[in-house]
Protein backbone atom coordinates (compact mmCIF):
# COMPACT_ATOMS: atom_id res chain seq x y z
CA MET A 1 -122.43 110.75 1.32
CA PHE A 2 -125.23 108.60 2.77
CA TYR A 3 -128.68 108.20 1.41
CA ALA A 4 -132.03 107.42 3.25
CA LYS A 5 -133.52 104.18 1.74
CA ASN A 6 -136.69 105.30 0.17
CA VAL A 7 -137.67 101.89 -1.42
CA PRO A 8 -139.61 99.13 1.09
CA GLY A 9 -138.44 95.42 0.86
CA TRP A 10 -140.94 94.10 -0.88
CA GLU A 11 -140.53 96.46 -3.72
CA ARG A 12 -136.86 95.97 -3.56
CA ALA A 13 -137.49 92.17 -4.26
CA VAL A 14 -139.70 93.19 -7.11
CA ARG A 15 -136.77 95.41 -8.69
CA VAL A 16 -134.43 92.93 -8.50
CA ILE A 17 -136.46 90.15 -10.10
CA ALA A 18 -137.75 92.65 -12.86
CA GLY A 19 -134.11 94.21 -13.14
CA LEU A 20 -132.99 90.67 -13.95
CA SER A 21 -136.00 90.18 -16.35
CA MET A 22 -135.60 92.99 -18.34
CA ILE A 23 -131.75 92.89 -18.67
CA ALA A 24 -132.50 88.98 -19.98
CA GLY A 25 -134.98 89.85 -22.40
CA GLY A 26 -133.25 92.77 -23.81
CA LEU A 27 -130.15 90.89 -24.71
CA LEU A 28 -131.94 87.80 -25.69
CA TYR A 29 -134.85 88.76 -27.54
CA PHE A 30 -133.60 91.95 -29.16
CA GLN A 31 -129.70 90.82 -29.89
CA GLY A 32 -127.62 93.28 -31.36
CA SER A 33 -130.41 96.14 -31.39
CA MET A 34 -130.13 99.44 -29.72
CA LEU A 35 -133.65 98.41 -28.03
CA GLY A 36 -132.20 95.76 -26.46
CA TYR A 37 -129.24 97.31 -25.24
CA GLY A 38 -131.93 100.08 -24.06
CA ILE A 39 -133.87 97.83 -22.24
CA ALA A 40 -131.01 95.97 -20.55
CA ALA A 41 -129.74 99.27 -19.37
CA THR A 42 -133.00 100.06 -17.79
CA GLY A 43 -133.00 96.73 -16.10
CA VAL A 44 -129.42 97.65 -14.72
CA ILE A 45 -130.70 100.62 -13.40
CA ALA A 46 -133.86 98.86 -11.71
CA LEU A 47 -131.60 96.22 -10.46
CA LEU A 48 -129.38 98.61 -8.62
CA THR A 49 -132.05 100.58 -6.92
CA GLY A 50 -133.45 97.30 -5.66
CA PHE A 51 -129.79 96.36 -4.07
CA VAL A 52 -129.31 99.71 -2.85
CA GLY A 53 -132.66 100.64 -1.65
CA PHE A 54 -132.35 104.32 -2.89
CA CYS A 55 -134.28 105.36 -5.90
CA PRO A 56 -133.35 108.72 -7.05
CA MET A 57 -136.70 109.40 -8.80
CA CYS A 58 -138.77 108.50 -5.78
CA ALA A 59 -136.57 111.01 -3.65
CA LEU A 60 -137.27 113.88 -6.25
CA VAL A 61 -141.20 113.33 -5.73
CA GLY A 62 -140.46 113.38 -2.08
CA ARG A 63 -141.15 109.60 -1.43
CA LYS A 64 -139.95 108.52 2.13
CA LEU A 65 -139.84 104.63 3.64
């Protein structure tokens, strides 16, 4: 199944940078805690939506590119 991209290029770059920052911050500042793993998991999701260009939550509310 193919998904239409619904995230513009500038926002994709911001999501990649924010995702990397969240992963690093979650794993470095909250070492071994559930909060740190939760922040890192959220960073992984932001990173993936930045690479793919499709955000399921944006599609849910009807956002188009």
